[in-house]
Amino acid sequence: MTLTLVTANRNYSSWSLRPWVLMRALGVPFVDRVEPFESMNNWVAFRAFSPTGQVPVLIDGERTVWDSLGIVLYLAERFPGIWPAEEAARAWAMCAVAEMHGGFAALRGERTMNVGARVDPHPGSPALERDVARLTELWGEGLARFGGPWLAGADFTAADAFFAPVAFRVRTYGIDVGAAGAGWVERLLAHPAIREWEAAALAETFREASHEEELATCGTLIVDYRA
């Protein structure tokens, strides 16, 4: 059965990026279906294919799998390489993914994802400073413990995919994540799957008002590379 992954705008949709880049990077075949944001109130339209009215959604025949973490767990039962093979690295990666999925609220709110923008950020809150410090610590730990070049070892896994939207944020706002973290961001942004996503994001001409308003609350737009 052919898998279909439903995602939204490449420029804004950080949750969509996670399973998309993981499946692309690992060669998991799927139909790429984009359902763009038309406004922040997409719930009614998205409910036609998503039980939560949100994306991403994975459609496998008559089965619908929702939420980025739910999709990754579903894929891990069917395809190799989602998690590291080595037990300690796998445990670390699972914890890191869960932490990203449920945490870093200040980072999400004060440094929204916008792939094509470069921003001079407004000063961050103490909560944002804690998030960035924890992020720097977490990435440094994974790279040091498991030898890199990816967060949980030699191979790209769900850990890298879940932090991929943060890599875009690091570049957009010039966030300092330490030397080890900056090296991982550079490698991640050079990955062919990420470059494919970025190219699509930069080609988008649509602007969704509320996402653009969120960006303005985060800082001053310096450069916009979008079409």
N, C-alpha and C. Protein backbone atom coordinates (compact mmCIF):
# COMPACT_ATOMS: atom_id res chain seq x y z
N MET A 1 0.85 -1.19 0.00
CA MET A 1 0.00 0.00 0.00
C MET A 1 0.88 1.24 0.00
N THR A 2 0.55 2.22 -0.84
CA THR A 2 1.32 3.45 -0.92
C THR A 2 0.99 4.37 0.25
N LEU A 3 2.04 4.89 0.90
CA LEU A 3 1.86 5.85 1.97
C LEU A 3 1.68 7.25 1.38
N THR A 4 0.79 8.03 2.00
CA THR A 4 0.63 9.44 1.63
C THR A 4 0.89 10.28 2.87
N LEU A 5 1.80 11.23 2.75
CA LEU A 5 2.08 12.14 3.86
C LEU A 5 1.50 13.51 3.52
N VAL A 6 0.58 13.96 4.37
CA VAL A 6 -0.07 15.26 4.16
C VAL A 6 0.63 16.29 5.04
N THR A 7 1.14 17.33 4.40
CA THR A 7 1.85 18.39 5.11
C THR A 7 1.32 19.75 4.65
N ALA A 8 1.83 20.80 5.27
CA ALA A 8 1.41 22.16 4.91
C ALA A 8 2.59 22.93 4.34
N ASN A 9 2.47 24.26 4.35
CA ASN A 9 3.45 25.13 3.72
C ASN A 9 4.87 24.81 4.18
N ARG A 10 5.77 24.72 3.24
CA ARG A 10 7.17 24.41 3.56
C ARG A 10 7.82 25.51 4.40
N ASN A 11 7.42 26.75 4.18
CA ASN A 11 8.08 27.85 4.88
C ASN A 11 7.75 27.89 6.36
N TYR A 12 6.53 27.51 6.72
CA TYR A 12 6.06 27.68 8.10
C TYR A 12 5.96 26.40 8.91
N SER A 13 5.65 25.28 8.27
CA SER A 13 5.12 24.12 8.99
C SER A 13 6.22 23.24 9.58
N SER A 14 6.65 23.59 10.78
CA SER A 14 7.72 22.85 11.44
C SER A 14 7.31 21.41 11.77
N TRP A 15 6.05 21.23 12.17
CA TRP A 15 5.61 19.87 12.51
C TRP A 15 5.60 18.98 11.27
N SER A 16 5.25 19.56 10.12
CA SER A 16 5.25 18.79 8.88
C SER A 16 6.65 18.35 8.48
N LEU A 17 7.62 19.22 8.72
CA LEU A 17 8.99 18.95 8.30
C LEU A 17 9.53 17.66 8.92
N ARG A 18 9.18 17.37 10.15
CA ARG A 18 9.81 16.26 10.87
C ARG A 18 9.63 14.91 10.17
N PRO A 19 8.40 14.44 9.98
CA PRO A 19 8.29 13.14 9.30
C PRO A 19 8.68 13.22 7.84
N TRP A 20 8.45 14.36 7.20
CA TRP A 20 8.79 14.49 5.79
C TRP A 20 10.28 14.28 5.56
N VAL A 21 11.10 14.99 6.32
CA VAL A 21 12.55 14.89 6.10
C VAL A 21 13.08 13.53 6.52
N LEU A 22 12.48 12.93 7.54
CA LEU A 22 12.90 11.60 7.96
C LEU A 22 12.63 10.57 6.86
N MET A 23 11.45 10.63 6.29
CA MET A 23 11.10 9.68 5.24
C MET A 23 11.95 9.91 3.99
N ARG A 24 12.18 11.16 3.64
CA ARG A 24 13.03 11.46 2.49
C ARG A 24 14.46 10.98 2.74
N ALA A 25 14.99 11.28 3.91
CA ALA A 25 16.39 10.94 4.20
C ALA A 25 16.62 9.43 4.21
N LEU A 26 15.63 8.68 4.67
CA LEU A 26 15.78 7.23 4.79
C LEU A 26 15.24 6.47 3.58
N GLY A 27 14.75 7.21 2.59
CA GLY A 27 14.27 6.56 1.38
C GLY A 27 12.96 5.81 1.54
N VAL A 28 12.14 6.23 2.51
CA VAL A 28 10.81 5.63 2.67
C VAL A 28 9.90 6.21 1.59
N PRO A 29 9.34 5.39 0.72
CA PRO A 29 8.53 5.93 -0.38
C PRO A 29 7.18 6.45 0.10
N PHE A 30 6.78 7.60 -0.44
CA PHE A 30 5.47 8.14 -0.07
C PHE A 30 5.02 9.14 -1.12
N VAL A 31 3.72 9.35 -1.16
CA VAL A 31 3.13 10.41 -1.97
C VAL A 31 3.15 11.69 -1.14
N ASP A 32 3.68 12.73 -1.71
CA ASP A 32 3.85 14.01 -1.02
C ASP A 32 2.65 14.91 -1.33
N ARG A 33 1.76 15.07 -0.36
CA ARG A 33 0.54 15.86 -0.57
C ARG A 33 0.58 17.11 0.30
N VAL A 34 0.50 18.26 -0.31
CA VAL A 34 0.58 19.53 0.41
C VAL A 34 -0.81 20.16 0.50
N GLU A 35 -1.20 20.50 1.72
CA GLU A 35 -2.46 21.21 1.97
C GLU A 35 -2.10 22.54 2.65
N PRO A 36 -1.97 23.61 1.88
CA PRO A 36 -1.45 24.87 2.44
C PRO A 36 -2.35 25.48 3.50
N PHE A 37 -1.71 26.18 4.45
CA PHE A 37 -2.46 27.01 5.37
C PHE A 37 -3.10 28.15 4.59
N GLU A 38 -4.38 28.35 4.80
CA GLU A 38 -5.04 29.52 4.22
C GLU A 38 -5.30 30.57 5.28
N SER A 39 -5.43 30.14 6.49
CA SER A 39 -5.52 31.03 7.64
C SER A 39 -5.20 30.17 8.85
N MET A 40 -5.05 30.79 10.00
CA MET A 40 -4.76 30.00 11.19
C MET A 40 -5.97 29.15 11.59
N ASN A 41 -7.15 29.48 11.04
CA ASN A 41 -8.34 28.68 11.33
C ASN A 41 -8.57 27.70 10.18
N ASN A 42 -7.66 26.72 10.07
CA ASN A 42 -7.79 25.70 9.03
C ASN A 42 -8.52 24.46 9.54
N TRP A 43 -8.99 24.51 10.75
CA TRP A 43 -9.47 23.30 11.41
C TRP A 43 -10.58 22.61 10.62
N VAL A 44 -11.55 23.36 10.14
CA VAL A 44 -12.68 22.77 9.43
C VAL A 44 -12.21 22.08 8.16
N ALA A 45 -11.40 22.76 7.37
CA ALA A 45 -10.92 22.19 6.11
C ALA A 45 -10.03 20.99 6.35
N PHE A 46 -9.15 21.09 7.32
CA PHE A 46 -8.20 20.01 7.59
C PHE A 46 -8.87 18.79 8.22
N ARG A 47 -10.03 19.01 8.85
CA ARG A 47 -10.74 17.88 9.45
C ARG A 47 -11.22 16.87 8.39
N ALA A 48 -11.22 17.26 7.13
CA ALA A 48 -11.62 16.34 6.07
C ALA A 48 -10.65 15.17 5.94
N PHE A 49 -9.41 15.37 6.38
CA PHE A 49 -8.42 14.30 6.27
C PHE A 49 -7.65 14.06 7.57
N SER A 50 -7.84 14.93 8.56
CA SER A 50 -7.09 14.82 9.81
C SER A 50 -8.03 14.84 11.00
N PRO A 51 -7.98 13.85 11.88
CA PRO A 51 -8.89 13.84 13.02
C PRO A 51 -8.69 15.01 13.97
N THR A 52 -7.50 15.59 13.99
CA THR A 52 -7.23 16.73 14.86
C THR A 52 -7.39 18.06 14.15
N GLY A 53 -7.60 18.03 12.84
CA GLY A 53 -7.65 19.27 12.08
C GLY A 53 -6.29 19.90 11.91
N GLN A 54 -5.23 19.09 12.07
CA GLN A 54 -3.87 19.59 11.97
C GLN A 54 -3.05 18.66 11.08
N VAL A 55 -1.88 19.14 10.69
CA VAL A 55 -0.92 18.33 9.95
C VAL A 55 0.37 18.24 10.77
N PRO A 56 1.18 17.22 10.52
CA PRO A 56 1.11 16.23 9.44
C PRO A 56 0.16 15.08 9.74
N VAL A 57 -0.22 14.39 8.66
CA VAL A 57 -1.03 13.18 8.74
C VAL A 57 -0.44 12.18 7.75
N LEU A 58 -0.32 10.94 8.19
CA LEU A 58 0.12 9.86 7.30
C LEU A 58 -1.09 8.98 6.99
N ILE A 59 -1.33 8.76 5.70
CA ILE A 59 -2.45 7.92 5.28
C ILE A 59 -1.88 6.63 4.70
N ASP A 60 -2.26 5.52 5.30
CA ASP A 60 -1.81 4.20 4.87
C ASP A 60 -3.05 3.38 4.55
N GLY A 61 -3.49 3.45 3.28
CA GLY A 61 -4.73 2.77 2.91
C GLY A 61 -5.91 3.41 3.61
N GLU A 62 -6.63 2.62 4.37
CA GLU A 62 -7.78 3.14 5.11
C GLU A 62 -7.40 3.62 6.51
N ARG A 63 -6.12 3.53 6.84
CA ARG A 63 -5.66 3.92 8.17
C ARG A 63 -5.06 5.31 8.14
N THR A 64 -5.44 6.13 9.09
CA THR A 64 -4.89 7.48 9.23
C THR A 64 -4.06 7.55 10.51
N VAL A 65 -2.83 7.99 10.38
CA VAL A 65 -1.92 8.15 11.53
C VAL A 65 -1.63 9.63 11.67
N TRP A 66 -1.90 10.20 12.83
CA TRP A 66 -1.75 11.63 13.01
C TRP A 66 -0.69 11.93 14.06
N ASP A 67 -0.24 13.17 14.06
CA ASP A 67 0.78 13.70 14.96
C ASP A 67 2.17 13.23 14.52
N SER A 68 3.12 14.15 14.52
CA SER A 68 4.46 13.83 14.03
C SER A 68 5.10 12.68 14.81
N LEU A 69 4.90 12.65 16.13
CA LEU A 69 5.47 11.56 16.91
C LEU A 69 4.75 10.25 16.63
N GLY A 70 3.43 10.30 16.52
CA GLY A 70 2.69 9.09 16.18
C GLY A 70 3.12 8.52 14.84
N ILE A 71 3.39 9.39 13.88
CA ILE A 71 3.83 8.94 12.56
C ILE A 71 5.19 8.27 12.65
N VAL A 72 6.10 8.86 13.40
CA VAL A 72 7.44 8.28 13.53
C VAL A 72 7.38 6.92 14.21
N LEU A 73 6.58 6.80 15.24
CA LEU A 73 6.44 5.51 15.92
C LEU A 73 5.84 4.46 14.98
N TYR A 74 4.89 4.87 14.18
CA TYR A 74 4.27 3.97 13.20
C TYR A 74 5.30 3.52 12.16
N LEU A 75 6.07 4.45 11.65
CA LEU A 75 7.08 4.12 10.65
C LEU A 75 8.16 3.20 11.22
N ALA A 76 8.51 3.40 12.49
CA ALA A 76 9.57 2.61 13.10
C ALA A 76 9.23 1.12 13.17
N GLU A 77 7.95 0.80 13.17
CA GLU A 77 7.53 -0.60 13.18
C GLU A 77 7.57 -1.22 11.79
N ARG A 78 7.81 -0.39 10.78
CA ARG A 78 7.72 -0.87 9.39
C ARG A 78 8.98 -0.64 8.56
N PHE A 79 9.86 0.25 9.01
CA PHE A 79 11.05 0.57 8.23
C PHE A 79 12.27 0.64 9.15
N PRO A 80 13.42 0.17 8.69
CA PRO A 80 14.64 0.25 9.50
C PRO A 80 15.22 1.66 9.50
N GLY A 81 16.01 1.95 10.52
CA GLY A 81 16.77 3.18 10.56
C GLY A 81 16.09 4.37 11.19
N ILE A 82 14.83 4.23 11.59
CA ILE A 82 14.14 5.36 12.22
C ILE A 82 14.84 5.72 13.53
N TRP A 83 15.17 4.69 14.31
CA TRP A 83 15.92 4.86 15.56
C TRP A 83 17.32 4.26 15.39
N PRO A 84 18.30 4.71 16.16
CA PRO A 84 19.63 4.10 16.10
C PRO A 84 19.58 2.62 16.47
N ALA A 85 20.47 1.85 15.89
CA ALA A 85 20.51 0.41 16.18
C ALA A 85 21.10 0.14 17.55
N GLU A 86 22.06 0.93 17.98
CA GLU A 86 22.73 0.71 19.26
C GLU A 86 21.80 1.13 20.40
N GLU A 87 21.72 0.29 21.43
CA GLU A 87 20.70 0.47 22.46
C GLU A 87 20.79 1.79 23.20
N ALA A 88 22.00 2.16 23.64
CA ALA A 88 22.15 3.41 24.40
C ALA A 88 21.79 4.62 23.53
N ALA A 89 22.23 4.59 22.28
CA ALA A 89 21.92 5.69 21.37
C ALA A 89 20.42 5.74 21.08
N ARG A 90 19.81 4.57 20.97
CA ARG A 90 18.38 4.53 20.71
C ARG A 90 17.59 5.10 21.89
N ALA A 91 17.97 4.75 23.10
CA ALA A 91 17.29 5.28 24.28
C ALA A 91 17.44 6.79 24.35
N TRP A 92 18.65 7.28 24.08
CA TRP A 92 18.88 8.73 24.11
C TRP A 92 18.04 9.41 23.04
N ALA A 93 18.04 8.86 21.84
CA ALA A 93 17.29 9.47 20.73
C ALA A 93 15.80 9.52 21.05
N MET A 94 15.26 8.46 21.62
CA MET A 94 13.85 8.44 21.97
C MET A 94 13.53 9.53 22.99
N CYS A 95 14.39 9.68 23.98
CA CYS A 95 14.17 10.72 25.00
C CYS A 95 14.29 12.11 24.39
N ALA A 96 15.27 12.31 23.51
CA ALA A 96 15.45 13.61 22.88
C ALA A 96 14.25 13.98 22.02
N VAL A 97 13.74 13.01 21.27
CA VAL A 97 12.56 13.25 20.43
C VAL A 97 11.36 13.60 21.30
N ALA A 98 11.15 12.86 22.37
CA ALA A 98 10.02 13.13 23.26
C ALA A 98 10.15 14.51 23.90
N GLU A 99 11.38 14.89 24.27
CA GLU A 99 11.60 16.20 24.88
C GLU A 99 11.29 17.32 23.88
N MET A 100 11.72 17.14 22.63
CA MET A 100 11.43 18.14 21.61
C MET A 100 9.94 18.22 21.33
N HIS A 101 9.30 17.08 21.27
CA HIS A 101 7.87 17.03 20.95
C HIS A 101 7.04 17.75 22.00
N GLY A 102 7.42 17.62 23.26
CA GLY A 102 6.60 18.17 24.33
C GLY A 102 7.14 19.42 24.98
N GLY A 103 8.36 19.85 24.60
CA GLY A 103 9.00 20.94 25.30
C GLY A 103 9.40 22.10 24.42
N PHE A 104 10.30 22.92 24.95
CA PHE A 104 10.87 24.07 24.24
C PHE A 104 9.78 25.06 23.79
N ALA A 105 8.83 25.31 24.68
CA ALA A 105 7.70 26.18 24.33
C ALA A 105 8.15 27.61 24.04
N ALA A 106 9.10 28.12 24.80
CA ALA A 106 9.55 29.49 24.58
C ALA A 106 10.27 29.61 23.25
N LEU A 107 11.06 28.62 22.91
CA LEU A 107 11.75 28.62 21.63
C LEU A 107 10.75 28.64 20.48
N ARG A 108 9.71 27.83 20.59
CA ARG A 108 8.69 27.79 19.55
C ARG A 108 7.97 29.13 19.43
N GLY A 109 7.62 29.72 20.58
CA GLY A 109 6.81 30.92 20.57
C GLY A 109 7.57 32.18 20.23
N GLU A 110 8.80 32.28 20.70
CA GLU A 110 9.57 33.51 20.50
C GLU A 110 10.47 33.47 19.29
N ARG A 111 10.62 32.29 18.68
CA ARG A 111 11.48 32.14 17.50
C ARG A 111 10.76 31.22 16.50
N THR A 112 9.67 31.71 15.95
CA THR A 112 8.84 30.91 15.06
C THR A 112 9.61 30.52 13.79
N MET A 113 9.25 29.39 13.18
CA MET A 113 9.96 28.94 11.98
C MET A 113 9.51 29.74 10.77
N ASN A 114 10.49 30.23 10.04
CA ASN A 114 10.26 30.90 8.76
C ASN A 114 11.53 30.66 7.95
N VAL A 115 11.48 29.68 7.05
CA VAL A 115 12.68 29.19 6.37
C VAL A 115 13.37 30.29 5.59
N GLY A 116 12.60 31.14 4.91
CA GLY A 116 13.19 32.11 4.01
C GLY A 116 13.63 33.41 4.64
N ALA A 117 13.33 33.62 5.90
CA ALA A 117 13.60 34.90 6.55
C ALA A 117 14.92 34.89 7.31
N ARG A 118 15.52 36.08 7.41
CA ARG A 118 16.64 36.32 8.32
C ARG A 118 16.21 37.50 9.18
N VAL A 119 16.35 37.33 10.49
CA VAL A 119 15.71 38.25 11.44
C VAL A 119 16.71 38.72 12.49
N ASP A 120 16.66 40.00 12.79
CA ASP A 120 17.35 40.54 13.96
C ASP A 120 16.40 40.38 15.14
N PRO A 121 16.66 39.43 16.04
CA PRO A 121 15.64 39.08 17.03
C PRO A 121 15.51 40.11 18.15
N HIS A 122 14.28 40.23 18.63
CA HIS A 122 14.06 40.98 19.86
C HIS A 122 14.68 40.20 21.03
N PRO A 123 15.04 40.88 22.12
CA PRO A 123 15.58 40.15 23.28
C PRO A 123 14.64 39.05 23.74
N GLY A 124 15.21 37.93 24.10
CA GLY A 124 14.41 36.80 24.52
C GLY A 124 14.12 36.80 26.01
N SER A 125 13.12 36.03 26.37
CA SER A 125 12.75 35.89 27.78
C SER A 125 13.71 34.96 28.50
N PRO A 126 13.70 34.96 29.83
CA PRO A 126 14.50 33.98 30.56
C PRO A 126 14.14 32.54 30.18
N ALA A 127 12.87 32.29 29.87
CA ALA A 127 12.47 30.95 29.44
C ALA A 127 13.13 30.57 28.12
N LEU A 128 13.24 31.52 27.21
CA LEU A 128 13.93 31.24 25.95
C LEU A 128 15.41 30.96 26.20
N GLU A 129 16.02 31.73 27.07
CA GLU A 129 17.43 31.49 27.40
C GLU A 129 17.63 30.09 27.96
N ARG A 130 16.71 29.64 28.78
CA ARG A 130 16.80 28.28 29.33
C ARG A 130 16.64 27.24 28.22
N ASP A 131 15.71 27.49 27.32
CA ASP A 131 15.51 26.56 26.21
C ASP A 131 16.76 26.44 25.36
N VAL A 132 17.38 27.56 25.03
CA VAL A 132 18.58 27.54 24.19
C VAL A 132 19.73 26.86 24.93
N ALA A 133 19.85 27.12 26.23
CA ALA A 133 20.90 26.46 27.00
C ALA A 133 20.69 24.95 27.04
N ARG A 134 19.45 24.53 27.20
CA ARG A 134 19.16 23.10 27.22
C ARG A 134 19.40 22.48 25.86
N LEU A 135 19.02 23.17 24.82
CA LEU A 135 19.25 22.70 23.46
C LEU A 135 20.74 22.50 23.20
N THR A 136 21.54 23.49 23.58
CA THR A 136 22.99 23.41 23.40
C THR A 136 23.57 22.22 24.16
N GLU A 137 23.10 22.04 25.38
CA GLU A 137 23.55 20.92 26.21
C GLU A 137 23.17 19.59 25.58
N LEU A 138 21.93 19.48 25.15
CA LEU A 138 21.41 18.21 24.61
C LEU A 138 22.14 17.82 23.33
N TRP A 139 22.26 18.75 22.40
CA TRP A 139 22.97 18.45 21.15
C TRP A 139 24.43 18.09 21.42
N GLY A 140 25.06 18.86 22.29
CA GLY A 140 26.46 18.57 22.61
C GLY A 140 26.63 17.20 23.22
N GLU A 141 25.69 16.81 24.08
CA GLU A 141 25.75 15.49 24.70
C GLU A 141 25.65 14.39 23.66
N GLY A 142 24.66 14.48 22.79
CA GLY A 142 24.49 13.44 21.79
C GLY A 142 25.69 13.32 20.87
N LEU A 143 26.20 14.44 20.40
CA LEU A 143 27.33 14.41 19.48
C LEU A 143 28.58 13.86 20.16
N ALA A 144 28.78 14.20 21.43
CA ALA A 144 29.96 13.72 22.15
C ALA A 144 29.83 12.23 22.51
N ARG A 145 28.67 11.83 22.97
CA ARG A 145 28.49 10.43 23.42
C ARG A 145 28.53 9.43 22.28
N PHE A 146 27.95 9.81 21.14
CA PHE A 146 27.76 8.82 20.08
C PHE A 146 28.62 9.08 18.84
N GLY A 147 29.46 10.11 18.92
CA GLY A 147 30.51 10.28 17.93
C GLY A 147 30.15 11.00 16.66
N GLY A 148 28.89 11.41 16.52
CA GLY A 148 28.47 12.16 15.33
C GLY A 148 28.63 11.36 14.05
N PRO A 149 28.43 11.98 12.92
CA PRO A 149 28.17 13.42 12.73
C PRO A 149 26.73 13.83 13.03
N TRP A 150 25.84 12.82 13.26
CA TRP A 150 24.45 13.12 13.57
C TRP A 150 24.23 13.04 15.07
N LEU A 151 23.08 13.46 15.52
CA LEU A 151 22.87 13.64 16.96
C LEU A 151 23.01 12.35 17.76
N ALA A 152 22.63 11.22 17.15
CA ALA A 152 22.69 9.95 17.89
C ALA A 152 23.65 8.96 17.23
N GLY A 153 24.64 9.48 16.51
CA GLY A 153 25.65 8.59 15.94
C GLY A 153 25.91 8.83 14.48
N ALA A 154 26.31 7.77 13.79
CA ALA A 154 26.77 7.88 12.41
C ALA A 154 25.64 8.08 11.40
N ASP A 155 24.42 7.75 11.77
CA ASP A 155 23.32 7.77 10.82
C ASP A 155 22.27 8.81 11.19
N PHE A 156 21.65 9.37 10.17
CA PHE A 156 20.52 10.28 10.33
C PHE A 156 19.33 9.48 10.85
N THR A 157 18.73 9.93 11.95
CA THR A 157 17.60 9.22 12.56
C THR A 157 16.50 10.22 12.93
N ALA A 158 15.50 9.71 13.63
CA ALA A 158 14.39 10.55 14.07
C ALA A 158 14.86 11.70 14.95
N ALA A 159 15.95 11.53 15.67
CA ALA A 159 16.46 12.62 16.51
C ALA A 159 16.82 13.83 15.66
N ASP A 160 17.51 13.59 14.57
CA ASP A 160 17.87 14.71 13.68
C ASP A 160 16.63 15.32 13.04
N ALA A 161 15.70 14.47 12.62
CA ALA A 161 14.49 14.96 11.98
C ALA A 161 13.68 15.84 12.91
N PHE A 162 13.58 15.47 14.18
CA PHE A 162 12.75 16.24 15.10
C PHE A 162 13.34 17.59 15.44
N PHE A 163 14.66 17.71 15.36
CA PHE A 163 15.28 19.00 15.62
C PHE A 163 15.56 19.79 14.35
N ALA A 164 15.17 19.26 13.19
CA ALA A 164 15.40 19.97 11.93
C ALA A 164 14.75 21.35 11.90
N PRO A 165 13.51 21.52 12.39
CA PRO A 165 12.94 22.86 12.39
C PRO A 165 13.74 23.84 13.26
N VAL A 166 14.38 23.33 14.30
CA VAL A 166 15.20 24.19 15.15
C VAL A 166 16.44 24.65 14.40
N ALA A 167 16.97 23.79 13.55
CA ALA A 167 18.13 24.19 12.75
C ALA A 167 17.79 25.39 11.88
N PHE A 168 16.60 25.38 11.28
CA PHE A 168 16.19 26.56 10.51
C PHE A 168 16.06 27.78 11.42
N ARG A 169 15.54 27.61 12.62
CA ARG A 169 15.40 28.72 13.55
C ARG A 169 16.78 29.27 13.93
N VAL A 170 17.74 28.39 14.17
CA VAL A 170 19.10 28.83 14.52
C VAL A 170 19.64 29.75 13.44
N ARG A 171 19.43 29.38 12.18
CA ARG A 171 19.93 30.21 11.09
C ARG A 171 19.13 31.50 10.94
N THR A 172 17.81 31.41 11.04
CA THR A 172 16.96 32.59 10.85
C THR A 172 17.28 33.68 11.85
N TYR A 173 17.50 33.29 13.12
CA TYR A 173 17.66 34.28 14.19
C TYR A 173 19.10 34.40 14.70
N GLY A 174 20.01 33.63 14.12
CA GLY A 174 21.40 33.68 14.57
C GLY A 174 21.59 33.21 16.00
N ILE A 175 20.92 32.13 16.37
CA ILE A 175 20.97 31.63 17.75
C ILE A 175 22.31 30.93 17.99
N ASP A 176 22.93 31.23 19.10
CA ASP A 176 24.20 30.61 19.49
C ASP A 176 23.92 29.30 20.20
N VAL A 177 24.30 28.18 19.56
CA VAL A 177 24.11 26.86 20.16
C VAL A 177 25.44 26.16 20.39
N GLY A 178 26.53 26.93 20.45
CA GLY A 178 27.84 26.36 20.71
C GLY A 178 28.45 25.77 19.44
N ALA A 179 29.75 25.47 19.53
CA ALA A 179 30.47 25.00 18.35
C ALA A 179 29.95 23.66 17.84
N ALA A 180 29.70 22.72 18.76
CA ALA A 180 29.23 21.40 18.34
C ALA A 180 27.84 21.51 17.71
N GLY A 181 26.97 22.28 18.35
CA GLY A 181 25.63 22.45 17.81
C GLY A 181 25.63 23.15 16.47
N ALA A 182 26.49 24.17 16.33
CA ALA A 182 26.57 24.89 15.06
C ALA A 182 27.06 23.98 13.94
N GLY A 183 27.97 23.08 14.27
CA GLY A 183 28.45 22.13 13.27
C GLY A 183 27.35 21.19 12.82
N TRP A 184 26.54 20.73 13.77
CA TRP A 184 25.41 19.87 13.39
C TRP A 184 24.42 20.64 12.53
N VAL A 185 24.11 21.88 12.89
CA VAL A 185 23.19 22.69 12.09
C VAL A 185 23.70 22.83 10.66
N GLU A 186 24.98 23.09 10.50
CA GLU A 186 25.56 23.23 9.16
C GLU A 186 25.41 21.94 8.36
N ARG A 187 25.68 20.80 9.00
CA ARG A 187 25.53 19.51 8.30
C ARG A 187 24.08 19.24 7.95
N LEU A 188 23.20 19.54 8.89
CA LEU A 188 21.78 19.28 8.67
C LEU A 188 21.25 20.13 7.51
N LEU A 189 21.60 21.40 7.48
CA LEU A 189 21.09 22.28 6.43
C LEU A 189 21.69 21.95 5.07
N ALA A 190 22.79 21.20 5.05
CA ALA A 190 23.38 20.77 3.77
C ALA A 190 22.84 19.43 3.30
N HIS A 191 22.04 18.75 4.13
CA HIS A 191 21.51 17.44 3.76
C HIS A 191 20.60 17.59 2.54
N PRO A 192 20.69 16.68 1.57
CA PRO A 192 19.86 16.81 0.36
C PRO A 192 18.37 16.90 0.63
N ALA A 193 17.87 16.17 1.62
CA ALA A 193 16.44 16.24 1.92
C ALA A 193 16.05 17.61 2.46
N ILE A 194 16.88 18.17 3.32
CA ILE A 194 16.61 19.50 3.85
C ILE A 194 16.69 20.54 2.74
N ARG A 195 17.65 20.38 1.87
CA ARG A 195 17.78 21.34 0.76
C ARG A 195 16.57 21.28 -0.17
N GLU A 196 16.02 20.09 -0.34
CA GLU A 196 14.81 19.96 -1.14
C GLU A 196 13.65 20.70 -0.49
N TRP A 197 13.50 20.52 0.82
CA TRP A 197 12.44 21.22 1.55
C TRP A 197 12.64 22.73 1.46
N GLU A 198 13.87 23.18 1.66
CA GLU A 198 14.16 24.61 1.63
C GLU A 198 13.86 25.21 0.26
N ALA A 199 14.24 24.50 -0.79
CA ALA A 199 13.97 25.01 -2.14
C ALA A 199 12.48 25.22 -2.37
N ALA A 200 11.68 24.28 -1.89
CA ALA A 200 10.22 24.42 -2.02
C ALA A 200 9.71 25.59 -1.18
N ALA A 201 10.29 25.77 0.01
CA ALA A 201 9.88 26.88 0.87
C ALA A 201 10.18 28.22 0.21
N LEU A 202 11.34 28.34 -0.39
CA LEU A 202 11.73 29.61 -1.00
C LEU A 202 10.92 29.90 -2.26
N ALA A 203 10.41 28.85 -2.90
CA ALA A 203 9.61 29.03 -4.12
C ALA A 203 8.18 29.45 -3.82
N GLU A 204 7.73 29.28 -2.58
CA GLU A 204 6.35 29.63 -2.23
C GLU A 204 6.15 31.15 -2.33
N THR A 205 5.09 31.55 -2.98
CA THR A 205 4.76 32.97 -3.05
C THR A 205 3.65 33.35 -2.08
N PHE A 206 2.97 32.35 -1.53
CA PHE A 206 1.85 32.60 -0.62
C PHE A 206 2.36 33.08 0.73
N ARG A 207 1.72 34.07 1.30
CA ARG A 207 2.03 34.56 2.64
C ARG A 207 0.78 34.41 3.50
N GLU A 208 0.93 33.74 4.63
CA GLU A 208 -0.19 33.55 5.54
C GLU A 208 -0.07 34.60 6.64
N ALA A 209 -1.09 35.42 6.78
CA ALA A 209 -1.00 36.65 7.58
C ALA A 209 -0.59 36.39 9.02
N SER A 210 -1.20 35.44 9.67
CA SER A 210 -0.92 35.24 11.10
C SER A 210 0.50 34.73 11.33
N HIS A 211 1.02 33.91 10.40
CA HIS A 211 2.41 33.46 10.53
C HIS A 211 3.37 34.63 10.33
N GLU A 212 3.03 35.53 9.41
CA GLU A 212 3.88 36.70 9.20
C GLU A 212 3.82 37.63 10.41
N GLU A 213 2.66 37.73 11.04
CA GLU A 213 2.53 38.54 12.25
C GLU A 213 3.36 37.94 13.39
N GLU A 214 3.36 36.62 13.49
CA GLU A 214 4.18 35.96 14.51
C GLU A 214 5.65 36.28 14.31
N LEU A 215 6.09 36.26 13.04
CA LEU A 215 7.48 36.58 12.75
C LEU A 215 7.82 37.99 13.21
N ALA A 216 6.91 38.94 12.97
CA ALA A 216 7.16 40.33 13.35
C ALA A 216 7.29 40.50 14.85
N THR A 217 6.60 39.66 15.63
CA THR A 217 6.74 39.76 17.09
C THR A 217 8.08 39.22 17.57
N CYS A 218 8.75 38.43 16.73
CA CYS A 218 10.02 37.82 17.13
C CYS A 218 11.22 38.73 16.89
N GLY A 219 11.08 39.66 15.92
CA GLY A 219 12.20 40.53 15.62
C GLY A 219 11.97 41.31 14.35
N THR A 220 13.03 41.94 13.87
CA THR A 220 12.96 42.77 12.67
C THR A 220 13.48 42.00 11.47
N LEU A 221 12.67 41.91 10.43
CA LEU A 221 13.07 41.21 9.22
C LEU A 221 14.20 41.96 8.55
N ILE A 222 15.30 41.25 8.29
CA ILE A 222 16.47 41.84 7.63
C ILE A 222 16.50 41.48 6.15
N VAL A 223 16.33 40.19 5.88
CA VAL A 223 16.37 39.67 4.51
C VAL A 223 15.26 38.67 4.35
N ASP A 224 14.62 38.66 3.18
CA ASP A 224 13.60 37.67 2.86
C ASP A 224 13.98 37.02 1.53
N TYR A 225 14.34 35.76 1.57
CA TYR A 225 14.80 35.05 0.39
C TYR A 225 13.68 34.37 -0.39
N ARG A 226 12.45 34.52 0.06
CA ARG A 226 11.34 33.87 -0.62
C ARG A 226 10.99 34.55 -1.94
N ALA A 227 10.40 33.79 -2.83
CA ALA A 227 9.99 34.35 -4.13
C ALA A 227 8.97 35.46 -3.93
